[in-house]
Amino acid sequence: MSLFLRGVVMIFALVIYTIPVLATTSPLGPGMSKAVQASFAEKVLRVVYDVPAHGGTAAANKLGKFLPAKAMVTQSFFYTVTAFTGTGTVALSCEDANNLYTATDISGITAGTITAGASTGSAATMVKNIAAPCEVTATVTGATATAGRLILYIRYVLGE
């Protein structure tokens, strides 16, 4: 291609460079879409147990949040916002009893405390493959809890 400019001939070379665009590379394999990669990412389910809102009676109190089918819980822990009153025990679970937090009297836990759950991060304590979507429950036994609020955090990945 040439261009005449004030009697001077200027020659431009048109070169097209092809730069290969590689698919997103991830530890899960090249070419995997971001949506597929996201399905393998660890997720966190935040669940609130608030005695005035959910109830503190000796029963399995449903908390309105669900773990999906095939979830594998890697860790669970909770933050006590308001101290619990009463002398009963509380277990936090989904699908199987005590699998997120073993039944314990939590009235002695002070506000502002972080408490480890049943799944502590080691392979031996993980909850493996939830069979069907399950609602997280706070099961109170013994005396009725009259006050208390906690935020439960459940870390999980999806299995096959």
N, C-alpha and C. Protein backbone atom coordinates (compact mmCIF):
# COMPACT_ATOMS: atom_id res chain seq x y z
N MET A 1 0.86 -1.16 0.00
CA MET A 1 0.00 0.00 0.00
C MET A 1 0.90 1.22 0.00
N SER A 2 0.62 2.16 -0.86
CA SER A 2 1.45 3.36 -0.90
C SER A 2 0.57 4.59 -0.78
N LEU A 3 1.19 5.64 -0.35
CA LEU A 3 0.48 6.88 -0.14
C LEU A 3 1.39 8.00 -0.65
N PHE A 4 0.82 8.85 -1.51
CA PHE A 4 1.58 9.98 -2.02
C PHE A 4 1.31 11.18 -1.13
N LEU A 5 2.35 11.73 -0.59
CA LEU A 5 2.22 12.87 0.28
C LEU A 5 3.29 13.88 -0.11
N ARG A 6 2.85 14.99 -0.76
CA ARG A 6 3.74 16.06 -1.20
C ARG A 6 4.91 15.52 -2.03
N GLY A 7 4.60 14.64 -2.92
CA GLY A 7 5.62 14.16 -3.83
C GLY A 7 6.53 13.09 -3.26
N VAL A 8 6.30 12.69 -2.01
CA VAL A 8 7.12 11.65 -1.40
C VAL A 8 6.28 10.39 -1.36
N VAL A 9 6.88 9.33 -1.77
CA VAL A 9 6.17 8.06 -1.72
C VAL A 9 6.48 7.39 -0.40
N MET A 10 5.45 7.08 0.33
CA MET A 10 5.63 6.36 1.60
C MET A 10 5.00 4.99 1.43
N ILE A 11 5.70 3.99 1.81
CA ILE A 11 5.20 2.63 1.67
C ILE A 11 4.97 2.06 3.07
N PHE A 12 3.79 1.55 3.25
CA PHE A 12 3.40 0.93 4.51
C PHE A 12 3.28 -0.57 4.29
N ALA A 13 3.81 -1.29 5.15
CA ALA A 13 3.64 -2.74 5.08
C ALA A 13 2.51 -3.12 6.02
N LEU A 14 1.60 -3.80 5.47
CA LEU A 14 0.46 -4.26 6.28
C LEU A 14 0.77 -5.69 6.71
N VAL A 15 1.05 -5.81 7.97
CA VAL A 15 1.37 -7.12 8.52
C VAL A 15 0.31 -7.46 9.56
N ILE A 16 -0.23 -8.62 9.42
CA ILE A 16 -1.24 -9.07 10.38
C ILE A 16 -0.59 -10.13 11.26
N TYR A 17 -0.58 -9.84 12.52
CA TYR A 17 -0.04 -10.80 13.48
C TYR A 17 -1.21 -11.57 14.08
N THR A 18 -1.06 -12.84 14.16
CA THR A 18 -2.08 -13.67 14.79
C THR A 18 -1.56 -14.07 16.16
N ILE A 19 -2.28 -13.67 17.16
CA ILE A 19 -1.91 -14.01 18.52
C ILE A 19 -2.90 -15.06 19.00
N PRO A 20 -2.41 -16.22 19.31
CA PRO A 20 -3.35 -17.25 19.75
C PRO A 20 -3.97 -16.87 21.08
N VAL A 21 -5.25 -17.06 21.19
CA VAL A 21 -5.97 -16.78 22.43
C VAL A 21 -6.24 -18.13 23.08
N LEU A 22 -5.61 -18.33 24.20
CA LEU A 22 -5.78 -19.59 24.89
C LEU A 22 -7.01 -19.54 25.78
N ALA A 23 -7.65 -20.66 25.90
CA ALA A 23 -8.79 -20.76 26.80
C ALA A 23 -8.29 -20.53 28.22
N THR A 24 -9.19 -20.12 29.09
CA THR A 24 -8.83 -19.88 30.47
C THR A 24 -8.15 -21.11 31.05
N THR A 25 -7.01 -20.92 31.61
CA THR A 25 -6.30 -22.04 32.21
C THR A 25 -6.58 -22.04 33.69
N SER A 26 -6.88 -23.21 34.21
CA SER A 26 -7.14 -23.34 35.63
C SER A 26 -6.57 -24.65 36.11
N PRO A 27 -6.47 -24.81 37.41
CA PRO A 27 -5.98 -26.09 37.92
C PRO A 27 -6.94 -27.23 37.56
N LEU A 28 -8.15 -26.88 37.17
CA LEU A 28 -9.13 -27.90 36.82
C LEU A 28 -9.03 -28.31 35.36
N GLY A 29 -8.18 -27.67 34.60
CA GLY A 29 -7.98 -28.06 33.22
C GLY A 29 -8.18 -26.89 32.28
N PRO A 30 -7.44 -26.91 31.15
CA PRO A 30 -7.58 -25.82 30.19
C PRO A 30 -8.92 -25.90 29.47
N GLY A 31 -9.42 -24.76 29.10
CA GLY A 31 -10.66 -24.71 28.33
C GLY A 31 -11.93 -24.78 29.15
N MET A 32 -11.83 -24.83 30.47
CA MET A 32 -13.01 -24.93 31.29
C MET A 32 -13.64 -23.54 31.43
N SER A 33 -14.92 -23.45 31.24
CA SER A 33 -15.58 -22.15 31.32
C SER A 33 -15.55 -21.63 32.76
N LYS A 34 -15.74 -20.33 32.89
CA LYS A 34 -15.75 -19.74 34.23
C LYS A 34 -16.92 -20.27 35.04
N ALA A 35 -18.05 -20.55 34.39
CA ALA A 35 -19.20 -21.09 35.11
C ALA A 35 -18.88 -22.47 35.68
N VAL A 36 -18.20 -23.28 34.89
CA VAL A 36 -17.82 -24.61 35.37
C VAL A 36 -16.80 -24.48 36.49
N GLN A 37 -15.83 -23.59 36.33
CA GLN A 37 -14.84 -23.38 37.38
C GLN A 37 -15.51 -22.92 38.67
N ALA A 38 -16.49 -22.03 38.55
CA ALA A 38 -17.18 -21.52 39.73
C ALA A 38 -17.93 -22.62 40.47
N SER A 39 -18.41 -23.61 39.74
CA SER A 39 -19.15 -24.69 40.40
C SER A 39 -18.25 -25.51 41.31
N PHE A 40 -16.91 -25.47 41.08
CA PHE A 40 -15.97 -26.20 41.92
C PHE A 40 -15.42 -25.34 43.05
N ALA A 41 -15.70 -24.06 43.03
CA ALA A 41 -15.16 -23.15 44.03
C ALA A 41 -15.82 -23.38 45.38
N GLU A 42 -15.07 -23.11 46.44
CA GLU A 42 -15.65 -23.23 47.77
C GLU A 42 -16.65 -22.10 47.98
N LYS A 43 -17.75 -22.44 48.63
CA LYS A 43 -18.81 -21.48 48.90
C LYS A 43 -19.01 -21.38 50.41
N VAL A 44 -19.66 -20.30 50.84
CA VAL A 44 -19.97 -20.13 52.26
C VAL A 44 -21.46 -19.83 52.39
N LEU A 45 -22.13 -20.63 53.20
CA LEU A 45 -23.54 -20.39 53.51
C LEU A 45 -23.59 -19.73 54.88
N ARG A 46 -24.23 -18.58 54.94
CA ARG A 46 -24.37 -17.82 56.19
C ARG A 46 -25.78 -18.04 56.71
N VAL A 47 -25.88 -18.54 57.94
CA VAL A 47 -27.19 -18.88 58.52
C VAL A 47 -27.29 -18.20 59.88
N VAL A 48 -28.40 -17.52 60.12
CA VAL A 48 -28.63 -16.85 61.41
C VAL A 48 -29.61 -17.67 62.23
N TYR A 49 -29.24 -17.92 63.48
CA TYR A 49 -30.19 -18.50 64.45
C TYR A 49 -30.45 -17.44 65.48
N ASP A 50 -31.67 -16.90 65.47
CA ASP A 50 -32.10 -15.84 66.37
C ASP A 50 -33.29 -16.38 67.16
N VAL A 51 -33.11 -16.60 68.44
CA VAL A 51 -34.16 -17.23 69.26
C VAL A 51 -35.50 -16.52 69.13
N PRO A 52 -35.59 -15.18 69.24
CA PRO A 52 -36.90 -14.54 69.09
C PRO A 52 -37.55 -14.79 67.72
N ALA A 53 -36.76 -14.90 66.67
CA ALA A 53 -37.30 -15.08 65.32
C ALA A 53 -37.59 -16.54 64.99
N HIS A 54 -36.70 -17.46 65.39
CA HIS A 54 -36.82 -18.86 65.00
C HIS A 54 -37.40 -19.77 66.08
N GLY A 55 -37.40 -19.30 67.30
CA GLY A 55 -37.91 -20.11 68.40
C GLY A 55 -36.78 -20.76 69.17
N GLY A 56 -37.03 -20.96 70.45
CA GLY A 56 -36.04 -21.58 71.32
C GLY A 56 -36.60 -22.78 72.04
N THR A 57 -37.75 -23.27 71.56
CA THR A 57 -38.38 -24.41 72.22
C THR A 57 -37.60 -25.69 71.95
N ALA A 58 -37.82 -26.68 72.80
CA ALA A 58 -37.16 -27.97 72.66
C ALA A 58 -37.71 -28.66 71.41
N ALA A 59 -37.06 -28.37 70.28
CA ALA A 59 -37.49 -28.92 68.98
C ALA A 59 -36.42 -28.61 67.96
N ALA A 60 -36.61 -29.14 66.75
CA ALA A 60 -35.72 -28.80 65.63
C ALA A 60 -36.26 -27.53 65.00
N ASN A 61 -35.62 -26.42 65.27
CA ASN A 61 -36.06 -25.11 64.78
C ASN A 61 -35.43 -24.85 63.41
N LYS A 62 -36.26 -24.78 62.38
CA LYS A 62 -35.78 -24.58 61.01
C LYS A 62 -35.31 -23.15 60.82
N LEU A 63 -34.16 -22.99 60.15
CA LEU A 63 -33.54 -21.67 60.03
C LEU A 63 -33.69 -21.04 58.64
N GLY A 64 -34.35 -21.73 57.71
CA GLY A 64 -34.68 -21.12 56.43
C GLY A 64 -33.57 -21.07 55.39
N LYS A 65 -32.43 -21.69 55.64
CA LYS A 65 -31.33 -21.74 54.67
C LYS A 65 -31.02 -23.21 54.37
N PHE A 66 -30.67 -23.48 53.11
CA PHE A 66 -30.47 -24.85 52.65
C PHE A 66 -29.08 -25.08 52.10
N LEU A 67 -28.53 -26.24 52.40
CA LEU A 67 -27.32 -26.71 51.72
C LEU A 67 -27.79 -27.49 50.50
N PRO A 68 -27.13 -27.35 49.36
CA PRO A 68 -27.55 -28.06 48.16
C PRO A 68 -27.16 -29.54 48.20
N ALA A 69 -27.82 -30.32 47.37
CA ALA A 69 -27.44 -31.72 47.22
C ALA A 69 -25.99 -31.79 46.76
N LYS A 70 -25.29 -32.80 47.18
CA LYS A 70 -23.89 -33.07 46.84
C LYS A 70 -22.90 -32.13 47.52
N ALA A 71 -23.38 -31.32 48.48
CA ALA A 71 -22.48 -30.44 49.21
C ALA A 71 -21.59 -31.27 50.12
N MET A 72 -20.32 -30.89 50.18
CA MET A 72 -19.37 -31.49 51.11
C MET A 72 -18.89 -30.36 52.02
N VAL A 73 -19.27 -30.43 53.27
CA VAL A 73 -18.95 -29.37 54.23
C VAL A 73 -17.50 -29.54 54.68
N THR A 74 -16.70 -28.50 54.43
CA THR A 74 -15.30 -28.54 54.82
C THR A 74 -15.06 -27.93 56.20
N GLN A 75 -15.91 -26.98 56.59
CA GLN A 75 -15.73 -26.34 57.89
C GLN A 75 -17.03 -25.66 58.31
N SER A 76 -17.29 -25.67 59.61
CA SER A 76 -18.42 -24.92 60.15
C SER A 76 -17.98 -24.25 61.45
N PHE A 77 -18.46 -23.05 61.66
CA PHE A 77 -18.17 -22.32 62.89
C PHE A 77 -19.25 -21.26 63.05
N PHE A 78 -19.41 -20.75 64.27
CA PHE A 78 -20.40 -19.69 64.46
C PHE A 78 -19.85 -18.57 65.33
N TYR A 79 -20.45 -17.41 65.13
CA TYR A 79 -20.14 -16.20 65.87
C TYR A 79 -21.35 -15.89 66.74
N THR A 80 -21.14 -15.77 68.04
CA THR A 80 -22.24 -15.46 68.96
C THR A 80 -22.43 -13.95 69.02
N VAL A 81 -23.58 -13.51 68.54
CA VAL A 81 -23.90 -12.07 68.54
C VAL A 81 -24.46 -11.67 69.89
N THR A 82 -25.42 -12.45 70.38
CA THR A 82 -26.06 -12.23 71.68
C THR A 82 -25.98 -13.53 72.47
N ALA A 83 -25.54 -13.47 73.71
CA ALA A 83 -25.41 -14.67 74.54
C ALA A 83 -26.77 -15.37 74.68
N PHE A 84 -26.75 -16.69 74.74
CA PHE A 84 -27.97 -17.49 74.90
C PHE A 84 -28.30 -17.66 76.37
N THR A 85 -29.60 -17.69 76.67
CA THR A 85 -30.06 -17.94 78.04
C THR A 85 -30.86 -19.23 78.04
N GLY A 86 -30.87 -19.90 79.17
CA GLY A 86 -31.53 -21.20 79.30
C GLY A 86 -30.48 -22.25 79.59
N THR A 87 -30.91 -23.44 79.97
CA THR A 87 -29.95 -24.49 80.35
C THR A 87 -29.99 -25.68 79.40
N GLY A 88 -30.68 -25.57 78.31
CA GLY A 88 -30.73 -26.67 77.35
C GLY A 88 -29.50 -26.68 76.45
N THR A 89 -29.47 -27.66 75.55
CA THR A 89 -28.38 -27.75 74.60
C THR A 89 -28.88 -27.37 73.20
N VAL A 90 -27.95 -26.98 72.35
CA VAL A 90 -28.28 -26.64 70.96
C VAL A 90 -27.35 -27.44 70.06
N ALA A 91 -27.94 -28.09 69.05
CA ALA A 91 -27.17 -28.78 68.01
C ALA A 91 -27.52 -28.12 66.69
N LEU A 92 -26.54 -27.94 65.84
CA LEU A 92 -26.76 -27.36 64.52
C LEU A 92 -26.51 -28.47 63.50
N SER A 93 -27.47 -28.65 62.60
CA SER A 93 -27.35 -29.78 61.68
C SER A 93 -28.07 -29.54 60.37
N CYS A 94 -27.74 -30.41 59.43
CA CYS A 94 -28.38 -30.46 58.13
C CYS A 94 -28.25 -31.91 57.66
N GLU A 95 -29.33 -32.56 57.48
CA GLU A 95 -29.41 -33.96 57.06
C GLU A 95 -29.16 -34.93 58.21
N ASP A 96 -28.03 -34.86 58.88
CA ASP A 96 -27.72 -35.76 59.99
C ASP A 96 -27.57 -34.97 61.28
N ALA A 97 -28.01 -35.56 62.39
CA ALA A 97 -27.92 -34.90 63.69
C ALA A 97 -26.48 -34.54 64.03
N ASN A 98 -26.29 -33.37 64.57
CA ASN A 98 -25.00 -32.91 65.10
C ASN A 98 -23.88 -32.78 64.06
N ASN A 99 -24.18 -32.78 62.77
CA ASN A 99 -23.09 -32.78 61.80
C ASN A 99 -22.45 -31.41 61.59
N LEU A 100 -23.08 -30.34 62.04
CA LEU A 100 -22.47 -29.01 61.93
C LEU A 100 -21.95 -28.51 63.28
N TYR A 101 -22.67 -28.84 64.35
CA TYR A 101 -22.24 -28.51 65.70
C TYR A 101 -22.90 -29.49 66.65
N THR A 102 -22.10 -30.18 67.45
CA THR A 102 -22.61 -31.19 68.37
C THR A 102 -23.39 -30.54 69.51
N ALA A 103 -24.49 -31.19 69.91
CA ALA A 103 -25.35 -30.67 70.97
C ALA A 103 -24.54 -30.32 72.21
N THR A 104 -24.58 -29.06 72.57
CA THR A 104 -23.81 -28.53 73.69
C THR A 104 -24.59 -27.39 74.33
N ASP A 105 -24.41 -27.22 75.65
CA ASP A 105 -25.00 -26.07 76.32
C ASP A 105 -24.21 -24.84 75.89
N ILE A 106 -24.83 -23.97 75.12
CA ILE A 106 -24.11 -22.80 74.62
C ILE A 106 -24.42 -21.53 75.42
N SER A 107 -25.12 -21.69 76.55
CA SER A 107 -25.47 -20.50 77.33
C SER A 107 -24.24 -19.85 77.95
N GLY A 108 -23.14 -20.58 78.09
CA GLY A 108 -21.93 -20.02 78.67
C GLY A 108 -21.04 -19.30 77.65
N ILE A 109 -21.42 -19.34 76.38
CA ILE A 109 -20.60 -18.68 75.36
C ILE A 109 -20.94 -17.19 75.34
N THR A 110 -19.95 -16.35 75.53
CA THR A 110 -20.20 -14.91 75.59
C THR A 110 -20.33 -14.31 74.19
N ALA A 111 -21.02 -13.20 74.12
CA ALA A 111 -21.17 -12.47 72.85
C ALA A 111 -19.79 -12.08 72.34
N GLY A 112 -19.62 -12.17 71.03
CA GLY A 112 -18.35 -11.81 70.41
C GLY A 112 -17.39 -12.98 70.26
N THR A 113 -17.83 -14.18 70.63
CA THR A 113 -16.98 -15.36 70.58
C THR A 113 -17.20 -16.13 69.28
N ILE A 114 -16.11 -16.64 68.71
CA ILE A 114 -16.19 -17.54 67.55
C ILE A 114 -15.97 -18.96 68.07
N THR A 115 -16.88 -19.87 67.70
CA THR A 115 -16.84 -21.25 68.18
C THR A 115 -16.74 -22.20 66.99
N ALA A 116 -15.81 -23.15 67.08
CA ALA A 116 -15.63 -24.14 66.02
C ALA A 116 -16.81 -25.11 66.00
N GLY A 117 -17.19 -25.51 64.80
CA GLY A 117 -18.26 -26.48 64.65
C GLY A 117 -17.70 -27.89 64.56
N ALA A 118 -18.55 -28.84 64.16
CA ALA A 118 -18.14 -30.24 64.05
C ALA A 118 -17.16 -30.45 62.91
N SER A 119 -17.30 -29.73 61.83
CA SER A 119 -16.38 -29.82 60.69
C SER A 119 -15.29 -28.78 60.90
N THR A 120 -14.10 -29.25 61.21
CA THR A 120 -13.03 -28.33 61.58
C THR A 120 -12.04 -28.05 60.46
N GLY A 121 -12.24 -28.69 59.30
CA GLY A 121 -11.33 -28.47 58.19
C GLY A 121 -10.51 -29.69 57.85
N SER A 122 -10.43 -30.66 58.75
CA SER A 122 -9.69 -31.89 58.43
C SER A 122 -10.61 -32.84 57.67
N ALA A 123 -10.03 -33.69 56.87
CA ALA A 123 -10.82 -34.63 56.06
C ALA A 123 -11.68 -35.54 56.94
N ALA A 124 -11.19 -35.89 58.11
CA ALA A 124 -11.93 -36.79 58.99
C ALA A 124 -13.22 -36.18 59.53
N THR A 125 -13.27 -34.85 59.62
CA THR A 125 -14.46 -34.20 60.19
C THR A 125 -15.40 -33.61 59.14
N MET A 126 -15.07 -33.75 57.87
CA MET A 126 -15.93 -33.18 56.82
C MET A 126 -17.25 -33.94 56.71
N VAL A 127 -18.29 -33.21 56.37
CA VAL A 127 -19.58 -33.82 56.08
C VAL A 127 -19.56 -34.12 54.59
N LYS A 128 -19.68 -35.39 54.26
CA LYS A 128 -19.52 -35.80 52.86
C LYS A 128 -20.86 -35.99 52.16
N ASN A 129 -20.97 -35.39 50.98
CA ASN A 129 -22.09 -35.57 50.06
C ASN A 129 -23.49 -35.58 50.67
N ILE A 130 -24.00 -34.40 50.93
CA ILE A 130 -25.39 -34.25 51.34
C ILE A 130 -26.24 -34.87 50.23
N ALA A 131 -27.12 -35.80 50.58
CA ALA A 131 -27.88 -36.55 49.57
C ALA A 131 -28.89 -35.69 48.82
N ALA A 132 -29.61 -34.84 49.53
CA ALA A 132 -30.64 -34.00 48.93
C ALA A 132 -30.56 -32.63 49.59
N PRO A 133 -31.08 -31.59 48.95
CA PRO A 133 -31.05 -30.27 49.60
C PRO A 133 -31.66 -30.38 51.01
N CYS A 134 -30.97 -29.81 51.99
CA CYS A 134 -31.48 -29.92 53.37
C CYS A 134 -31.45 -28.55 54.05
N GLU A 135 -32.45 -28.36 54.87
CA GLU A 135 -32.55 -27.10 55.61
C GLU A 135 -31.72 -27.20 56.89
N VAL A 136 -30.99 -26.16 57.20
CA VAL A 136 -30.19 -26.11 58.42
C VAL A 136 -31.15 -25.91 59.59
N THR A 137 -30.94 -26.69 60.66
CA THR A 137 -31.79 -26.59 61.84
C THR A 137 -30.96 -26.38 63.10
N ALA A 138 -31.57 -25.74 64.07
CA ALA A 138 -31.00 -25.61 65.41
C ALA A 138 -31.91 -26.42 66.32
N THR A 139 -31.40 -27.55 66.79
CA THR A 139 -32.20 -28.42 67.64
C THR A 139 -31.90 -28.14 69.10
N VAL A 140 -32.93 -27.68 69.81
CA VAL A 140 -32.81 -27.36 71.23
C VAL A 140 -33.36 -28.55 72.01
N THR A 141 -32.62 -28.99 73.01
CA THR A 141 -33.11 -30.05 73.91
C THR A 141 -33.01 -29.55 75.33
N GLY A 142 -33.85 -30.09 76.19
CA GLY A 142 -33.86 -29.66 77.59
C GLY A 142 -34.69 -28.39 77.73
N ALA A 143 -34.18 -27.43 78.45
CA ALA A 143 -34.91 -26.18 78.72
C ALA A 143 -34.99 -25.31 77.47
N THR A 144 -36.00 -24.49 77.42
CA THR A 144 -36.21 -23.57 76.32
C THR A 144 -35.21 -22.41 76.39
N ALA A 145 -34.63 -22.08 75.27
CA ALA A 145 -33.77 -20.90 75.18
C ALA A 145 -34.68 -19.68 75.07
N THR A 146 -34.40 -18.66 75.85
CA THR A 146 -35.25 -17.47 75.84
C THR A 146 -34.63 -16.28 75.11
N ALA A 147 -33.33 -16.34 74.90
CA ALA A 147 -32.65 -15.26 74.17
C ALA A 147 -31.38 -15.85 73.56
N GLY A 148 -30.89 -15.17 72.54
CA GLY A 148 -29.64 -15.58 71.92
C GLY A 148 -29.69 -15.42 70.41
N ARG A 149 -28.53 -15.12 69.87
CA ARG A 149 -28.42 -14.97 68.41
C ARG A 149 -27.00 -15.37 68.01
N LEU A 150 -26.91 -16.20 66.97
CA LEU A 150 -25.62 -16.58 66.43
C LEU A 150 -25.66 -16.56 64.92
N ILE A 151 -24.50 -16.43 64.32
CA ILE A 151 -24.37 -16.50 62.87
C ILE A 151 -23.48 -17.69 62.57
N LEU A 152 -24.04 -18.68 61.90
CA LEU A 152 -23.34 -19.89 61.54
C LEU A 152 -22.78 -19.75 60.12
N TYR A 153 -21.51 -20.09 59.95
CA TYR A 153 -20.88 -20.06 58.64
C TYR A 153 -20.54 -21.50 58.25
N ILE A 154 -21.00 -21.92 57.08
CA ILE A 154 -20.76 -23.27 56.60
C ILE A 154 -19.99 -23.17 55.30
N ARG A 155 -18.75 -23.64 55.31
CA ARG A 155 -17.92 -23.66 54.10
C ARG A 155 -18.11 -25.01 53.43
N TYR A 156 -18.36 -24.99 52.10
CA TYR A 156 -18.58 -26.25 51.41
C TYR A 156 -18.18 -26.16 49.93
N VAL A 157 -18.00 -27.33 49.35
CA VAL A 157 -17.78 -27.46 47.91
C VAL A 157 -18.82 -28.46 47.40
N LEU A 158 -19.07 -28.44 46.10
CA LEU A 158 -20.01 -29.39 45.51
C LEU A 158 -19.25 -30.61 44.99
N GLY A 159 -19.73 -31.78 45.36
CA GLY A 159 -19.14 -33.03 44.91
C GLY A 159 -19.90 -33.56 43.72
N GLU A 160 -19.70 -34.81 43.46
CA GLU A 160 -20.39 -35.46 42.34
C GLU A 160 -21.36 -36.49 42.83
